[in-house]
Amino acid sequence: MIIVNVKEGESLDRALKRFKKKFEKTGVLRELRSRQAYEKTSVTRRIQVKKAIYKQSLNQDTNV
């Protein structure tokens, strides 16, 4: 359970923004979306490899 204490004089918008940030870090929505439909392990692995290749290409571009 996520708890966000509202500080003295803090606006509700600011507290809501902190709540959203904490909620995003937990990864609940990402997990929920991934469980909407079954994905074969081979497809999952293929996606992970593509992401890794993409990240490596970004790192190589910044190092050049």
N, C-alpha and C. Protein backbone atom coordinates (compact mmCIF):
# COMPACT_ATOMS: atom_id res chain seq x y z
N MET A 1 0.84 -1.17 0.00
CA MET A 1 0.00 0.00 0.00
C MET A 1 0.88 1.24 0.00
N ILE A 2 0.54 2.20 -0.82
CA ILE A 2 1.32 3.43 -0.95
C ILE A 2 0.75 4.49 -0.01
N ILE A 3 1.62 5.06 0.80
CA ILE A 3 1.20 6.10 1.73
C ILE A 3 1.95 7.38 1.39
N VAL A 4 1.19 8.45 1.22
CA VAL A 4 1.78 9.76 0.95
C VAL A 4 1.25 10.72 2.01
N ASN A 5 2.14 11.19 2.85
CA ASN A 5 1.75 12.15 3.88
C ASN A 5 1.74 13.55 3.29
N VAL A 6 0.62 14.25 3.46
CA VAL A 6 0.51 15.61 2.96
C VAL A 6 1.14 16.53 4.01
N LYS A 7 2.12 17.29 3.59
CA LYS A 7 2.85 18.16 4.51
C LYS A 7 2.04 19.43 4.78
N GLU A 8 2.41 20.10 5.84
CA GLU A 8 1.74 21.34 6.23
C GLU A 8 1.90 22.39 5.14
N GLY A 9 0.78 22.92 4.65
CA GLY A 9 0.80 23.96 3.63
C GLY A 9 1.08 23.46 2.23
N GLU A 10 1.14 22.14 2.04
CA GLU A 10 1.42 21.59 0.71
C GLU A 10 0.11 21.49 -0.07
N SER A 11 0.16 21.84 -1.34
CA SER A 11 -1.05 21.76 -2.15
C SER A 11 -1.38 20.30 -2.45
N LEU A 12 -2.64 20.06 -2.71
CA LEU A 12 -3.09 18.71 -3.00
C LEU A 12 -2.52 18.22 -4.33
N ASP A 13 -2.33 19.14 -5.26
CA ASP A 13 -1.75 18.77 -6.56
C ASP A 13 -0.33 18.22 -6.39
N ARG A 14 0.44 18.85 -5.52
CA ARG A 14 1.81 18.41 -5.28
C ARG A 14 1.82 17.01 -4.64
N ALA A 15 0.93 16.79 -3.69
CA ALA A 15 0.84 15.49 -3.04
C ALA A 15 0.40 14.42 -4.03
N LEU A 16 -0.54 14.77 -4.91
CA LEU A 16 -1.00 13.84 -5.93
C LEU A 16 0.12 13.50 -6.89
N LYS A 17 0.95 14.47 -7.21
CA LYS A 17 2.09 14.24 -8.10
C LYS A 17 3.08 13.27 -7.46
N ARG A 18 3.32 13.43 -6.14
CA ARG A 18 4.22 12.51 -5.44
C ARG A 18 3.63 11.10 -5.41
N PHE A 19 2.30 11.00 -5.22
CA PHE A 19 1.64 9.70 -5.22
C PHE A 19 1.80 9.02 -6.58
N LYS A 20 1.57 9.77 -7.64
CA LYS A 20 1.68 9.19 -8.98
C LYS A 20 3.10 8.69 -9.24
N LYS A 21 4.09 9.45 -8.78
CA LYS A 21 5.48 9.06 -8.98
C LYS A 21 5.79 7.76 -8.24
N LYS A 22 5.31 7.65 -6.99
CA LYS A 22 5.52 6.42 -6.22
C LYS A 22 4.80 5.24 -6.87
N PHE A 23 3.58 5.49 -7.33
CA PHE A 23 2.79 4.43 -7.96
C PHE A 23 3.46 3.94 -9.23
N GLU A 24 4.03 4.85 -10.00
CA GLU A 24 4.71 4.48 -11.23
C GLU A 24 5.93 3.61 -10.94
N LYS A 25 6.65 3.92 -9.85
CA LYS A 25 7.85 3.17 -9.49
C LYS A 25 7.52 1.73 -9.11
N THR A 26 6.34 1.49 -8.57
CA THR A 26 5.99 0.13 -8.16
C THR A 26 5.80 -0.79 -9.34
N GLY A 27 5.41 -0.24 -10.50
CA GLY A 27 5.26 -1.06 -11.70
C GLY A 27 3.98 -1.86 -11.76
N VAL A 28 2.98 -1.46 -10.99
CA VAL A 28 1.72 -2.20 -10.94
C VAL A 28 1.00 -2.16 -12.29
N LEU A 29 0.92 -0.98 -12.88
CA LEU A 29 0.23 -0.86 -14.17
C LEU A 29 0.93 -1.64 -15.26
N ARG A 30 2.25 -1.61 -15.27
CA ARG A 30 3.02 -2.35 -16.27
C ARG A 30 2.74 -3.84 -16.14
N GLU A 31 2.73 -4.32 -14.91
CA GLU A 31 2.45 -5.73 -14.66
C GLU A 31 1.03 -6.09 -15.09
N LEU A 32 0.08 -5.23 -14.79
CA LEU A 32 -1.31 -5.48 -15.15
C LEU A 32 -1.48 -5.56 -16.66
N ARG A 33 -0.85 -4.65 -17.38
CA ARG A 33 -0.95 -4.66 -18.84
C ARG A 33 -0.29 -5.89 -19.43
N SER A 34 0.81 -6.33 -18.83
CA SER A 34 1.48 -7.52 -19.37
C SER A 34 0.66 -8.77 -19.13
N ARG A 35 -0.18 -8.77 -18.11
CA ARG A 35 -1.01 -9.94 -17.82
C ARG A 35 -2.34 -9.93 -18.55
N GLN A 36 -2.63 -8.88 -19.31
CA GLN A 36 -3.89 -8.80 -20.05
C GLN A 36 -4.00 -9.94 -21.05
N ALA A 37 -2.90 -10.24 -21.73
CA ALA A 37 -2.91 -11.30 -22.72
C ALA A 37 -1.66 -12.14 -22.54
N TYR A 38 -1.78 -13.43 -22.79
CA TYR A 38 -0.64 -14.34 -22.64
C TYR A 38 0.38 -14.09 -23.73
N GLU A 39 1.63 -14.10 -23.34
CA GLU A 39 2.72 -13.92 -24.29
C GLU A 39 3.67 -15.10 -24.14
N LYS A 40 3.96 -15.75 -25.25
CA LYS A 40 4.85 -16.91 -25.21
C LYS A 40 6.23 -16.48 -24.73
N THR A 41 6.94 -17.42 -24.11
CA THR A 41 8.27 -17.10 -23.58
C THR A 41 9.24 -16.74 -24.69
N SER A 42 9.09 -17.36 -25.85
CA SER A 42 9.99 -17.03 -26.96
C SER A 42 9.77 -15.59 -27.42
N VAL A 43 8.53 -15.14 -27.41
CA VAL A 43 8.22 -13.75 -27.81
C VAL A 43 8.78 -12.80 -26.76
N THR A 44 8.62 -13.12 -25.50
CA THR A 44 9.15 -12.28 -24.42
C THR A 44 10.66 -12.15 -24.53
N ARG A 45 11.32 -13.27 -24.77
CA ARG A 45 12.78 -13.27 -24.91
C ARG A 45 13.21 -12.42 -26.11
N ARG A 46 12.50 -12.55 -27.22
CA ARG A 46 12.81 -11.79 -28.42
C ARG A 46 12.70 -10.28 -28.16
N ILE A 47 11.66 -9.89 -27.43
CA ILE A 47 11.46 -8.47 -27.11
C ILE A 47 12.59 -7.97 -26.21
N GLN A 48 12.99 -8.79 -25.23
CA GLN A 48 14.08 -8.40 -24.34
C GLN A 48 15.38 -8.22 -25.10
N VAL A 49 15.65 -9.10 -26.07
CA VAL A 49 16.87 -9.00 -26.86
C VAL A 49 16.85 -7.73 -27.70
N LYS A 50 15.69 -7.42 -28.30
CA LYS A 50 15.57 -6.19 -29.09
C LYS A 50 15.81 -4.96 -28.24
N LYS A 51 15.27 -4.95 -27.01
CA LYS A 51 15.47 -3.81 -26.11
C LYS A 51 16.95 -3.67 -25.75
N ALA A 52 17.61 -4.80 -25.48
CA ALA A 52 19.02 -4.76 -25.12
C ALA A 52 19.87 -4.23 -26.28
N ILE A 53 19.56 -4.66 -27.49
CA ILE A 53 20.29 -4.17 -28.67
C ILE A 53 20.08 -2.67 -28.82
N TYR A 54 18.86 -2.22 -28.63
CA TYR A 54 18.56 -0.79 -28.74
C TYR A 54 19.33 0.01 -27.70
N LYS A 55 19.35 -0.47 -26.46
CA LYS A 55 20.07 0.24 -25.40
C LYS A 55 21.57 0.29 -25.68
N GLN A 56 22.11 -0.81 -26.20
CA GLN A 56 23.54 -0.83 -26.52
C GLN A 56 23.85 0.16 -27.63
N SER A 57 22.95 0.26 -28.61
CA SER A 57 23.19 1.20 -29.70
C SER A 57 23.15 2.64 -29.19
N LEU A 58 22.30 2.92 -28.20
CA LEU A 58 22.26 4.26 -27.61
C LEU A 58 23.56 4.56 -26.88
N ASN A 59 24.09 3.58 -26.15
CA ASN A 59 25.32 3.77 -25.41
C ASN A 59 26.51 3.98 -26.34
N GLN A 60 26.52 3.27 -27.47
CA GLN A 60 27.63 3.42 -28.41
C GLN A 60 27.60 4.80 -29.07
N ASP A 61 26.41 5.32 -29.31
CA ASP A 61 26.30 6.64 -29.93
C ASP A 61 26.82 7.73 -29.00
N THR A 62 26.57 7.59 -27.69
CA THR A 62 27.01 8.61 -26.76
C THR A 62 28.51 8.51 -26.49
N ASN A 63 29.09 7.33 -26.63
CA ASN A 63 30.52 7.15 -26.38
C ASN A 63 31.38 7.61 -27.54
N VAL A 64 30.82 7.76 -28.71
CA VAL A 64 31.60 8.14 -29.90
C VAL A 64 32.02 9.56 -29.88
